Every structure is written in C-alpha cells, then in structure tokens.
Amino acid sequence: MGPHVAPRVVVVASLATVRAAGTGGGRGKGGGGGGGGRGKATGGGTKGRGNRGGSAGGADGGTATKKKASGGSDVAKKKQSKQDKRDEQQPPQPPPQQQQTAVRDPPVNKKILEGKFDALVFDDSSKGTDVFAMDAPHVPANATTLEDRLFFERKGHACIRNVLTQDEARSMAVALIRETRTRTLLAYKHRVSVLCPPGAVDLNAIKTEEEAMAAIARYSDEEVGFLQTFNIHRDNYVSGESSESSESSNDSPAATPSNDGVEECAGYIMSRRLARIAAELLGADESEGDRVRLYQSCVFVKPPGFGETNWHSDANMVPLDTNRFVTLWLPLRPLQEDDAALVFASGSHRDFALPYWHTLEGMEDLESRGYDIESYEPLDLGDLTAHAGWCLHWSPPQPEDAPPRHALSVCYFLDGARRLTGTEGHLRQVPHEEDEWSYGDWLVDVKAGEVARHPALPVVYP
C-alpha cells in the first residue's frame, strides 16, 4: 500500500442516462413506470431494470482521473488499443474443470417480505480469515492513510495500490475465476431474470448461453453489460436454499462448485486485510466495539463486446437502512485505460441518497449537478478501488479486441444496520429485486426494522 492515489478526469456518456430510482418499473420492451433498477433512462422517462442504471451519486477517491461528462450518449472515448500489452492482460488461467454436474436454478420473484422466524440463534463471532497475513512486511499498521480516508469522505471513492502482492492477487484470481466458470450459465440466467419481463422466460428451459442471449434479445431492449456471479464464498450459493437441499437436477447444465473451491474463495473474500480497509473507510472504531459485516461478494465479468454498465449506486439495491456501506472492487488482471474499469461521479454520495427516500424532484437532470467524472486506470493486480454505497458509478463497454474483464466486488456494512421497514411514503418500501438472488436466503429470516444479523452476513472485522 503506497501513497494516496489521485484520480484522472475522463469523458463518458451523459449523466442524463442515469436512472433516477423509483418504485417499480418495467424490465423488458415497453417497460415503464418509476423503476429503481439498473437500466437506462433519459430524464424521468421509461425505466428498465438493466445494467445497473439505478441511481445517481458520486465520489472520487485516491488520485482519480477526471472525465468531463459530455452532452451526448456516446460511450467514453478510449485511448488507442494497447495491443502489445494484451498478452500480459490475460487473466490468470485456472486449470480446466475435471467434472461438471447439474444444479437447480435459484428461485425467481420469490415472496420474501415476511420473516419466517422470530429469532435466530447462531455463532456471531468474527469469521474474518487470515489467508493474507495481517502482519506481512508490506502491510502497514493502518490499511489506509489519513489522506485516503479524507479523500473518500469528500469524494465518495478512492484507490489504494498494492493492497495485495502480485503472488497473492494472482492466486486469488485463479481461484475466483475457476469457481466463477462453474456458474457461467447461472450468471446468464440471472441476466435473463433481470432484463426480461417477469414470466416471459422459463429459466429451466435455458440450456446454453446462446439461448439466454436469444431470450434477452427477444424480450428486452437492454444491452447485456456484464455477467454477475453472487457469493462464491458461500456453499449454499443457490439463493434461498441450503447446500443440503440443493440436489442435482437435469434442469440446468451449470456445474456444481466444489466444496474445496468455495472454501478457498471464502478465504480470500472474507480476508481481514480487505475488511480492515472497509472498516477504516467506514470510520469503524474498535475501541467503541464497532464491527464490520460482509454483505455480499460478486465476480463481475465483461466479455469482449459487452455493453456499458449504466450509472447506478449500490445502496439502492440493498435492503438495509444505512449509509455506512462500502464496496471494494479488485481487478483480477491488470487493466489498461481502454479496459472497462469503474468511473465515478465525485461527490454524488453526499446528495443523492435523500431522493431515494422521499422524492425524485429535481433529480431528472443529473448533468446540471456538476459532478466531476473520474477513474483510476491503469490498475494492476493487487490494486483496488473503493466507493461509498450511494456513490454513482458507471463502466464503459469492454473492447472487442480485449480479453474478458474479471473483477471481484466485496460489499461491507457497519454492524447495527436494520432491514428496510417499508414505511409508507418512502420510495424504498420493498427491496430491489435485481440482487434478490444474493439476499433472498437471509431476508426471510430478518423482519422489517430488525437489526440485520444473520449467518449469511458474517462479521469479518475485527
């Protein structure tokens, strides 16, 4: 971990395409209403649920590169392709899978608004791992500098270099990519469930990636901006089901992840070294008994030619009543300036959360808010970016001639946050559906208004 990193300014698509959140919204062709999802919308018009286009906010951190928002909808102007660096950009290649068996698809559009238990009794001690030694010579006493923390507070995002050594980062990348590949078809089905109207597609009937893309092309106007694989640190990765009940089925050709693979991934994702960075950015105070919980992990994949990820904020997808939420984003191969890294709207985390609770008035024209648009690439293995829960961020398309972009996203929140209550008059009355495959297996056990404590939301720091 080195000195504070400054961002760079970049030129991106208009912030007018940011989706201002709402309470519903169509997912497919002709979808309308006031949705709060992740699709495109210009001003307050039609809102789909597509590629994370659900909120506007921003922050910058580290030494970011500024990108001025243009008035059009053109995608970020990329610098010329660095073809001579493509070979070294290729992600670490895990060995091929030896065996694949089928799994059952996660439930879709489940009713999850009522808790099923009065109380949970479980071991709530810290589950943070030490797979990355906390006392390694290159790890300072504080994972972040004072300048990092002040910058993050002001801008809503930051970049921290050399969090992991090259060897540590490479080993993690191999394990995560290997495990993600066992769930590729499941990730495509998730995109179908998000982008297509409810009930339009039988997920069990989709047997190949090509069939999934064909369904999206038929029922949705949205581009596929990414593939998202949830929570590969959990053995019960099928949302809402335990590993014991997830019996094999011929309905889906996706591969069942190995217990060894999940355990290895969990060691990396639940690392106390990463969690300590989150704790410091959240302002957690160990002397006051503050603890940090893991909310979810995702591996995001952008294959060559996949479209942009629309402007959105993570907190809008989270069924928690809290502002103490942070996402760490780690590339799983080196990223150059023409790769699809994250781009941030600096300062948006400070003024964009309130409309999600009360009114969207004044939020239709986000360009007029004057956010600096910044990013941090190039990023090396072992670097990470961090952004606040309400910070608006975006990602450009992945170039056709580039390798796939893999990145690990790990989200944390300060212990004590409560589940959303669904208070009348609030726009966030019910959890957003897009990430239901992630939170569906704990939301049924935590009643509205209760403190979010659950085995699926483990304490990872201290």
Protein backbone atom coordinates (compact mmCIF):
# COMPACT_ATOMS: atom_id res chain seq x y z
CA MET A 1 0.00 0.00 0.00
CA GLY A 2 1.58 3.20 -1.20
CA PRO A 3 0.81 6.90 -1.07
CA HIS A 4 -2.59 8.38 -1.79
CA VAL A 5 -3.60 7.92 -5.44
CA ALA A 6 -5.08 10.81 -7.42
CA PRO A 7 -7.91 10.14 -9.90
CA ARG A 8 -7.93 11.17 -13.55
CA VAL A 9 -10.71 13.03 -15.37
CA VAL A 10 -12.42 11.09 -18.14
CA VAL A 11 -15.06 11.75 -20.79
CA VAL A 12 -18.10 9.50 -20.53
CA ALA A 13 -21.67 9.16 -21.65
CA SER A 14 -24.08 11.80 -20.47
CA LEU A 15 -25.24 11.64 -16.87
CA ALA A 16 -28.70 12.19 -18.27
CA THR A 17 -28.74 8.43 -18.83
CA VAL A 18 -28.56 7.80 -15.10
CA ARG A 19 -31.66 6.16 -13.91
CA ALA A 20 -33.31 8.11 -11.09
CA ALA A 21 -34.69 5.49 -8.73
CA GLY A 22 -38.33 4.82 -8.17
CA THR A 23 -40.77 2.20 -7.06
CA GLY A 24 -41.12 -0.43 -9.70
CA GLY A 25 -40.53 -0.17 -13.41
CA GLY A 26 -40.61 -2.43 -16.39
CA ARG A 27 -37.87 -4.87 -17.19
CA GLY A 28 -38.45 -5.61 -20.82
CA LYS A 29 -39.61 -3.99 -24.00
CA GLY A 30 -42.18 -1.32 -23.31
CA GLY A 31 -41.38 -1.30 -19.58
CA GLY A 32 -42.32 1.92 -17.87
CA GLY A 33 -43.13 3.37 -14.53
CA GLY A 34 -40.75 4.64 -11.94
CA GLY A 35 -38.35 1.75 -11.58
CA GLY A 36 -35.27 1.95 -9.43
CA GLY A 37 -33.23 -0.64 -11.20
CA ARG A 38 -30.23 -0.59 -13.41
CA GLY A 39 -31.45 0.27 -16.87
CA LYS A 40 -31.10 3.36 -19.00
CA ALA A 41 -33.39 6.32 -18.69
CA THR A 42 -33.14 9.83 -20.04
CA GLY A 43 -34.55 12.26 -17.54
CA GLY A 44 -37.64 10.81 -15.94
CA GLY A 45 -38.78 8.65 -18.84
CA THR A 46 -39.10 4.93 -19.29
CA LYS A 47 -37.02 2.93 -16.90
CA GLY A 48 -35.89 -0.63 -17.41
CA ARG A 49 -34.05 -2.81 -14.92
CA GLY A 50 -30.98 -3.44 -16.99
CA ASN A 51 -27.32 -2.87 -16.46
CA ARG A 52 -27.27 -1.27 -13.04
CA GLY A 53 -28.65 2.07 -14.14
CA GLY A 54 -30.42 2.87 -10.94
CA SER A 55 -29.09 5.89 -9.15
CA ALA A 56 -27.04 8.97 -9.39
CA GLY A 57 -24.39 9.92 -6.97
CA GLY A 58 -20.68 10.06 -6.92
CA ALA A 59 -17.46 10.36 -5.20
CA ASP A 60 -13.90 10.11 -6.09
CA GLY A 61 -11.07 8.77 -4.15
CA GLY A 62 -7.41 8.22 -4.46
CA THR A 63 -5.91 10.11 -7.30
CA ALA A 64 -8.61 9.73 -9.89
CA THR A 65 -8.61 10.87 -13.46
CA LYS A 66 -11.32 13.38 -14.29
CA LYS A 67 -13.61 12.76 -17.22
CA LYS A 68 -15.94 15.56 -18.24
CA ALA A 69 -19.49 14.44 -18.87
CA SER A 70 -20.47 15.04 -22.47
CA GLY A 71 -23.91 16.11 -23.61
CA GLY A 72 -24.45 13.10 -25.85
CA SER A 73 -24.84 9.41 -25.25
CA ASP A 74 -21.52 8.39 -26.76
CA VAL A 75 -19.52 5.93 -24.76
CA ALA A 76 -16.26 7.01 -23.21
CA LYS A 77 -13.59 7.88 -25.71
CA LYS A 78 -10.98 5.21 -25.44
CA LYS A 79 -7.32 5.63 -25.97
CA GLN A 80 -5.82 3.60 -28.76
CA SER A 81 -5.63 -0.09 -28.16
CA LYS A 82 -2.51 -1.30 -26.41
CA GLN A 83 -2.23 -4.48 -28.39
CA ASP A 84 1.35 -5.09 -27.30
CA LYS A 85 0.12 -5.39 -23.71
CA ARG A 86 -2.79 -7.72 -24.39
CA ASP A 87 -0.90 -10.90 -23.62
CA GLU A 88 0.03 -9.73 -20.14
CA GLN A 89 -3.54 -8.52 -19.57
CA GLN A 90 -4.94 -12.01 -19.93
CA PRO A 91 -6.37 -13.14 -16.59
CA PRO A 92 -4.57 -15.94 -14.76
CA GLN A 93 -5.85 -19.17 -16.23
CA PRO A 94 -7.09 -21.82 -13.80
CA PRO A 95 -6.78 -25.47 -14.78
CA PRO A 96 -9.83 -26.89 -16.61
CA GLN A 97 -12.67 -28.37 -14.57
CA GLN A 98 -12.46 -32.13 -14.31
CA GLN A 99 -16.13 -32.81 -13.66
CA GLN A 100 -19.40 -30.96 -14.05
CA THR A 101 -22.78 -31.86 -12.63
CA ALA A 102 -26.07 -30.03 -12.74
CA VAL A 103 -27.65 -27.73 -10.18
CA ARG A 104 -31.10 -26.32 -9.63
CA ASP A 105 -31.78 -22.72 -10.60
CA PRO A 106 -32.30 -20.10 -7.90
CA PRO A 107 -35.91 -19.16 -7.26
CA VAL A 108 -37.11 -16.08 -9.12
CA ASN A 109 -39.58 -13.42 -7.92
CA LYS A 110 -39.95 -15.13 -4.55
CA LYS A 111 -42.18 -13.58 -1.88
CA ILE A 112 -39.62 -12.51 0.69
CA LEU A 113 -41.24 -9.66 2.54
CA GLU A 114 -42.17 -11.55 5.72
CA GLY A 115 -39.72 -13.13 8.15
CA LYS A 116 -40.29 -16.80 8.95
CA PHE A 117 -38.57 -16.98 12.35
CA ASP A 118 -38.92 -14.88 15.48
CA ALA A 119 -35.23 -15.11 16.24
CA LEU A 120 -32.02 -16.68 15.02
CA VAL A 121 -29.51 -18.26 17.34
CA PHE A 122 -26.06 -18.63 15.81
CA ASP A 123 -22.38 -18.00 16.45
CA ASP A 124 -21.96 -14.31 15.65
CA SER A 125 -18.24 -14.09 16.36
CA SER A 126 -15.90 -12.76 13.69
CA LYS A 127 -15.40 -15.07 10.71
CA GLY A 128 -12.65 -12.98 9.16
CA THR A 129 -9.83 -15.05 7.69
CA ASP A 130 -6.07 -14.56 7.70
CA VAL A 131 -5.31 -16.07 4.30
CA PHE A 132 -3.46 -12.82 3.65
CA ALA A 133 -1.22 -12.42 6.69
CA MET A 134 -2.11 -9.31 8.68
CA ASP A 135 1.48 -8.92 9.80
CA ALA A 136 3.08 -9.24 6.35
CA PRO A 137 6.03 -6.85 5.92
CA HIS A 138 4.27 -4.78 3.23
CA VAL A 139 1.08 -4.28 5.29
CA PRO A 140 1.22 -1.08 7.39
CA ALA A 141 -0.43 -0.65 10.77
CA ASN A 142 -3.24 1.25 9.05
CA ALA A 143 -4.53 -0.16 5.79
CA THR A 144 -5.37 3.34 4.56
CA THR A 145 -3.75 6.73 5.06
CA LEU A 146 -5.45 9.75 6.60
CA GLU A 147 -5.39 11.34 3.16
CA ASP A 148 -7.15 8.28 1.70
CA ARG A 149 -9.88 8.48 4.32
CA LEU A 150 -10.42 12.22 3.95
CA PHE A 151 -10.48 11.91 0.18
CA PHE A 152 -13.00 9.06 0.38
CA GLU A 153 -15.21 11.07 2.73
CA ARG A 154 -15.15 14.06 0.41
CA LYS A 155 -15.34 12.35 -2.98
CA GLY A 156 -17.04 9.03 -2.18
CA HIS A 157 -14.38 6.90 -3.84
CA ALA A 158 -10.67 6.14 -3.55
CA CYS A 159 -7.92 3.96 -5.00
CA ILE A 160 -5.45 2.02 -2.86
CA ARG A 161 -2.48 0.43 -4.59
CA ASN A 162 -0.57 -2.73 -3.68
CA VAL A 163 -3.07 -4.00 -1.13
CA LEU A 164 -2.01 -7.50 -2.15
CA THR A 165 1.28 -8.72 -3.53
CA GLN A 166 1.34 -9.90 -7.14
CA ASP A 167 1.56 -13.51 -5.97
CA GLU A 168 -1.34 -13.11 -3.53
CA ALA A 169 -3.51 -11.39 -6.12
CA ARG A 170 -2.67 -13.95 -8.81
CA SER A 171 -3.53 -16.90 -6.57
CA MET A 172 -6.83 -15.26 -5.63
CA ALA A 173 -7.65 -14.53 -9.28
CA VAL A 174 -7.05 -18.14 -10.33
CA ALA A 175 -9.36 -19.47 -7.60
CA LEU A 176 -12.14 -16.95 -8.20
CA ILE A 177 -12.13 -17.29 -11.99
CA ARG A 178 -12.13 -21.08 -11.75
CA GLU A 179 -15.12 -21.06 -9.41
CA THR A 180 -16.94 -18.43 -11.45
CA ARG A 181 -16.63 -20.54 -14.59
CA THR A 182 -18.61 -23.34 -12.94
CA ARG A 183 -21.53 -20.90 -12.70
CA THR A 184 -21.38 -19.17 -16.07
CA LEU A 185 -24.76 -20.42 -17.28
CA LEU A 186 -26.30 -19.39 -13.97
CA ALA A 187 -24.91 -15.86 -14.49
CA TYR A 188 -26.51 -15.72 -17.94
CA LYS A 189 -29.82 -16.86 -16.46
CA HIS A 190 -29.59 -14.12 -13.87
CA ARG A 191 -29.31 -11.57 -16.67
CA VAL A 192 -32.41 -13.10 -18.26
CA SER A 193 -34.32 -12.82 -14.98
CA VAL A 194 -33.31 -9.17 -14.61
CA LEU A 195 -33.66 -7.89 -18.17
CA CYS A 196 -36.76 -9.77 -19.33
CA PRO A 197 -40.34 -9.21 -18.11
CA PRO A 198 -41.46 -11.48 -15.24
CA GLY A 199 -42.79 -14.78 -16.52
CA ALA A 200 -41.66 -14.22 -20.10
CA VAL A 201 -38.90 -16.83 -19.99
CA ASP A 202 -38.74 -20.23 -18.31
CA LEU A 203 -35.23 -20.26 -16.86
CA ASN A 204 -35.28 -24.04 -16.56
CA ALA A 205 -35.69 -24.28 -20.33
CA ILE A 206 -32.47 -22.36 -20.97
CA LYS A 207 -29.68 -24.86 -21.56
CA THR A 208 -26.97 -22.72 -23.16
CA GLU A 209 -25.51 -19.24 -23.05
CA GLU A 210 -26.73 -18.69 -26.62
CA GLU A 211 -30.31 -19.45 -25.58
CA ALA A 212 -30.03 -16.95 -22.74
CA MET A 213 -28.78 -14.21 -25.07
CA ALA A 214 -31.53 -15.02 -27.57
CA ALA A 215 -34.17 -14.62 -24.85
CA ILE A 216 -32.74 -11.24 -23.86
CA ALA A 217 -32.68 -10.10 -27.49
CA ARG A 218 -36.32 -11.12 -27.89
CA TYR A 219 -37.79 -9.67 -24.70
CA SER A 220 -35.56 -6.75 -23.73
CA ASP A 221 -34.21 -3.55 -25.24
CA GLU A 222 -31.29 -3.54 -22.81
CA GLU A 223 -27.70 -4.36 -23.64
CA VAL A 224 -26.03 -7.04 -21.56
CA GLY A 225 -23.41 -5.01 -19.75
CA PHE A 226 -21.93 -7.72 -17.55
CA LEU A 227 -22.32 -11.14 -16.01
CA GLN A 228 -22.66 -11.27 -12.23
CA THR A 229 -21.89 -14.28 -10.05
CA PHE A 230 -23.03 -13.85 -6.45
CA ASN A 231 -21.43 -15.01 -3.22
CA ILE A 232 -18.97 -17.64 -4.30
CA HIS A 233 -17.75 -17.63 -0.70
CA ARG A 234 -20.95 -19.44 0.37
CA ASP A 235 -21.51 -23.17 0.00
CA ASN A 236 -25.28 -22.55 -0.28
CA TYR A 237 -24.80 -20.38 -3.33
CA VAL A 238 -28.22 -21.31 -4.72
CA SER A 239 -30.24 -18.39 -3.38
CA GLY A 240 -32.66 -19.34 -0.64
CA GLU A 241 -31.50 -22.95 -0.44
CA SER A 242 -29.00 -24.75 1.73
CA SER A 243 -26.27 -26.88 0.26
CA GLU A 244 -28.04 -29.95 1.67
CA SER A 245 -31.30 -29.16 -0.14
CA SER A 246 -29.69 -28.17 -3.45
CA GLU A 247 -29.99 -31.57 -5.06
CA SER A 248 -28.72 -32.07 -8.55
CA SER A 249 -31.20 -31.68 -11.36
CA ASN A 250 -31.01 -32.06 -15.09
CA ASP A 251 -32.82 -28.74 -15.49
CA SER A 252 -29.56 -26.81 -15.68
CA PRO A 253 -26.17 -27.80 -17.10
CA ALA A 254 -24.27 -25.46 -14.81
CA ALA A 255 -21.58 -27.14 -12.74
CA THR A 256 -21.83 -27.67 -9.02
CA PRO A 257 -18.97 -25.83 -7.32
CA SER A 258 -16.65 -27.99 -5.27
CA ASN A 259 -16.55 -27.56 -1.52
CA ASP A 260 -12.80 -27.07 -1.76
CA GLY A 261 -13.25 -24.32 -4.34
CA VAL A 262 -15.85 -22.48 -2.27
CA GLU A 263 -13.69 -22.75 0.84
CA GLU A 264 -10.67 -21.34 -0.97
CA CYS A 265 -12.71 -18.45 -2.38
CA ALA A 266 -14.19 -17.76 1.05
CA GLY A 267 -10.71 -17.44 2.50
CA TYR A 268 -9.89 -14.65 0.06
CA ILE A 269 -13.24 -12.86 0.15
CA MET A 270 -13.55 -12.88 3.96
CA SER A 271 -9.96 -11.72 4.44
CA ARG A 272 -9.46 -9.43 7.43
CA ARG A 273 -6.90 -7.47 5.42
CA LEU A 274 -9.58 -6.41 2.94
CA ALA A 275 -12.16 -5.98 5.69
CA ARG A 276 -9.81 -3.67 7.59
CA ILE A 277 -9.70 -1.32 4.60
CA ALA A 278 -13.50 -1.29 4.57
CA ALA A 279 -13.59 -0.70 8.34
CA GLU A 280 -11.27 2.30 8.10
CA LEU A 281 -13.22 3.84 5.23
CA LEU A 282 -16.46 3.30 7.16
CA GLY A 283 -14.98 5.02 10.21
CA ALA A 284 -15.37 1.94 12.40
CA ASP A 285 -13.96 2.40 15.92
CA GLU A 286 -12.76 -0.84 17.52
CA SER A 287 -12.50 0.88 20.91
CA GLU A 288 -16.25 1.52 20.73
CA GLY A 289 -16.99 -2.06 19.78
CA ASP A 290 -17.75 -1.33 16.13
CA ARG A 291 -17.81 -4.38 13.88
CA VAL A 292 -17.98 -4.75 10.11
CA ARG A 293 -20.15 -7.30 8.31
CA LEU A 294 -19.77 -8.80 4.85
CA TYR A 295 -22.88 -8.02 2.80
CA GLN A 296 -22.10 -9.87 -0.41
CA SER A 297 -19.40 -10.77 -2.89
CA CYS A 298 -19.71 -10.75 -6.67
CA VAL A 299 -17.44 -11.58 -9.54
CA PHE A 300 -18.31 -9.30 -12.45
CA VAL A 301 -17.30 -10.42 -15.92
CA LYS A 302 -17.35 -8.24 -19.04
CA PRO A 303 -16.63 -10.41 -22.07
CA PRO A 304 -15.30 -8.61 -25.17
CA GLY A 305 -18.02 -6.55 -26.81
CA PHE A 306 -20.37 -6.45 -23.82
CA GLY A 307 -22.02 -3.06 -23.33
CA GLU A 308 -21.77 -0.35 -20.74
CA THR A 309 -22.85 -0.71 -17.14
CA ASN A 310 -25.28 2.14 -16.58
CA TRP A 311 -24.89 4.74 -13.86
CA HIS A 312 -26.15 3.43 -10.52
CA SER A 313 -25.45 3.35 -6.79
CA ASP A 314 -25.06 0.08 -4.90
CA ALA A 315 -27.04 1.14 -1.83
CA ASN A 316 -30.23 1.34 -3.85
CA MET A 317 -30.01 -2.42 -4.39
CA VAL A 318 -29.52 -3.17 -0.68
CA PRO A 319 -32.49 -3.84 1.67
CA LEU A 320 -30.74 -2.09 4.57
CA ASP A 321 -31.42 1.27 6.18
CA THR A 322 -27.85 2.57 6.36
CA ASN A 323 -25.35 4.97 4.83
CA ARG A 324 -22.39 3.04 6.31
CA PHE A 325 -21.86 0.84 3.28
CA VAL A 326 -18.76 0.44 1.10
CA THR A 327 -17.72 -1.66 -1.89
CA LEU A 328 -14.16 -2.76 -2.63
CA TRP A 329 -13.51 -3.54 -6.31
CA LEU A 330 -10.41 -5.57 -7.26
CA PRO A 331 -9.46 -6.32 -10.88
CA LEU A 332 -8.46 -9.94 -11.46
CA ARG A 333 -5.97 -8.99 -14.17
CA PRO A 334 -4.10 -5.76 -14.95
CA LEU A 335 -6.42 -3.16 -16.52
CA GLN A 336 -5.28 -0.56 -19.05
CA GLU A 337 -7.02 2.70 -19.93
CA ASP A 338 -9.09 1.06 -22.67
CA ASP A 339 -10.41 -1.65 -20.34
CA ALA A 340 -13.79 -1.32 -18.63
CA ALA A 341 -12.83 -0.13 -15.16
CA LEU A 342 -15.21 1.79 -12.89
CA VAL A 343 -15.85 5.50 -13.41
CA PHE A 344 -17.19 7.63 -10.53
CA ALA A 345 -19.31 10.78 -10.15
CA SER A 346 -17.41 12.59 -7.43
CA GLY A 347 -19.42 13.90 -4.51
CA SER A 348 -22.68 12.26 -5.55
CA HIS A 349 -22.73 10.13 -2.39
CA ARG A 350 -23.38 13.30 -0.40
CA ASP A 351 -26.54 14.50 -2.12
CA PHE A 352 -28.15 11.64 -3.96
CA ALA A 353 -29.36 9.35 -1.18
CA LEU A 354 -32.23 11.53 0.07
CA PRO A 355 -34.35 11.35 -3.11
CA TYR A 356 -34.49 7.59 -2.79
CA TRP A 357 -36.43 8.00 0.43
CA HIS A 358 -38.73 10.92 -0.27
CA THR A 359 -38.97 12.49 -3.73
CA LEU A 360 -37.24 12.41 -7.09
CA GLU A 361 -38.00 16.07 -7.70
CA GLY A 362 -35.01 17.87 -9.16
CA MET A 363 -33.12 14.66 -9.95
CA GLU A 364 -34.16 14.33 -13.60
CA ASP A 365 -31.24 16.36 -14.97
CA LEU A 366 -28.14 14.97 -13.31
CA GLU A 367 -25.74 16.67 -15.72
CA SER A 368 -26.66 20.03 -14.22
CA ARG A 369 -25.37 18.89 -10.84
CA GLY A 370 -21.80 19.35 -11.99
CA TYR A 371 -20.18 16.16 -10.72
CA ASP A 372 -16.56 15.60 -11.70
CA ILE A 373 -16.32 12.27 -13.51
CA GLU A 374 -13.17 10.38 -12.53
CA SER A 375 -11.47 6.99 -12.70
CA TYR A 376 -8.16 5.30 -11.78
CA GLU A 377 -6.95 3.02 -14.56
CA PRO A 378 -4.46 1.64 -15.23
CA LEU A 379 -4.92 -0.77 -12.34
CA ASP A 380 -2.53 -3.59 -11.52
CA LEU A 381 -3.09 -6.89 -9.76
CA GLY A 382 -3.21 -6.11 -6.04
CA ASP A 383 -4.76 -2.64 -6.50
CA LEU A 384 -8.34 -1.84 -5.54
CA THR A 385 -10.85 0.95 -5.79
CA ALA A 386 -13.43 1.66 -3.09
CA HIS A 387 -16.72 3.52 -3.36
CA ALA A 388 -19.41 4.56 -0.91
CA GLY A 389 -22.81 2.91 -1.10
CA TRP A 390 -24.57 5.94 -2.59
CA CYS A 391 -21.73 6.91 -4.94
CA LEU A 392 -22.80 6.90 -8.58
CA HIS A 393 -20.56 4.84 -10.82
CA TRP A 394 -20.50 3.55 -14.38
CA SER A 395 -18.41 1.29 -16.59
CA PRO A 396 -17.83 1.50 -20.36
CA PRO A 397 -18.16 -1.38 -22.81
CA GLN A 398 -15.33 -3.87 -22.99
CA PRO A 399 -13.46 -3.50 -26.32
CA GLU A 400 -13.97 -6.25 -28.88
CA ASP A 401 -10.22 -6.90 -29.12
CA ALA A 402 -9.62 -7.08 -25.37
CA PRO A 403 -9.58 -10.09 -23.05
CA PRO A 404 -12.56 -10.52 -20.72
CA ARG A 405 -12.51 -8.22 -17.73
CA HIS A 406 -12.95 -10.04 -14.41
CA ALA A 407 -13.29 -8.13 -11.16
CA LEU A 408 -14.12 -9.06 -7.57
CA SER A 409 -16.58 -6.81 -5.76
CA VAL A 410 -16.89 -7.18 -1.97
CA CYS A 411 -19.50 -5.14 -0.07
CA TYR A 412 -19.43 -4.36 3.65
CA PHE A 413 -21.62 -2.50 6.14
CA LEU A 414 -21.25 -1.38 9.73
CA ASP A 415 -22.90 -3.74 12.20
CA GLY A 416 -26.18 -2.41 13.58
CA ALA A 417 -27.89 -1.58 10.28
CA ARG A 418 -31.56 -2.54 10.15
CA ARG A 419 -33.62 -4.15 7.44
CA LEU A 420 -35.76 -1.69 5.48
CA THR A 421 -39.11 -1.16 7.15
CA GLY A 422 -41.25 -0.39 4.13
CA THR A 423 -42.50 2.80 5.77
CA GLU A 424 -45.40 4.34 3.89
CA GLY A 425 -44.33 7.36 1.89
CA HIS A 426 -40.79 6.14 1.34
CA LEU A 427 -39.81 5.23 -2.19
CA ARG A 428 -37.71 2.32 -0.91
CA GLN A 429 -40.69 0.42 0.52
CA VAL A 430 -39.58 -3.00 -0.71
CA PRO A 431 -36.17 -4.49 -1.52
CA HIS A 432 -34.97 -4.03 -5.07
CA GLU A 433 -35.39 -7.29 -6.98
CA GLU A 434 -32.24 -7.37 -9.08
CA ASP A 435 -29.99 -8.67 -6.31
CA GLU A 436 -32.65 -10.98 -4.82
CA TRP A 437 -30.51 -13.96 -5.74
CA SER A 438 -27.98 -12.60 -3.27
CA TYR A 439 -30.10 -11.51 -0.31
CA GLY A 440 -33.03 -13.91 -0.66
CA ASP A 441 -31.55 -16.51 1.68
CA TRP A 442 -31.30 -14.17 4.69
CA LEU A 443 -34.10 -11.65 4.17
CA VAL A 444 -36.72 -14.29 5.00
CA ASP A 445 -35.20 -14.60 8.49
CA VAL A 446 -34.84 -10.90 9.37
CA LYS A 447 -38.04 -8.98 9.99
CA ALA A 448 -38.56 -5.45 8.71
CA GLY A 449 -36.93 -2.99 11.11
CA GLU A 450 -34.77 -5.63 12.82
CA VAL A 451 -31.00 -5.35 13.08
CA ALA A 452 -29.51 -7.29 10.18
CA ARG A 453 -27.65 -10.10 11.93
CA HIS A 454 -27.58 -13.45 10.17
CA PRO A 455 -25.12 -16.26 9.37
CA ALA A 456 -25.18 -15.09 5.74
CA LEU A 457 -23.99 -11.63 6.89
CA PRO A 458 -20.92 -12.60 8.91
CA VAL A 459 -18.76 -10.28 10.95
CA VAL A 460 -15.37 -10.16 9.24
CA TYR A 461 -13.64 -7.39 11.19
CA PRO A 462 -12.12 -7.08 13.70
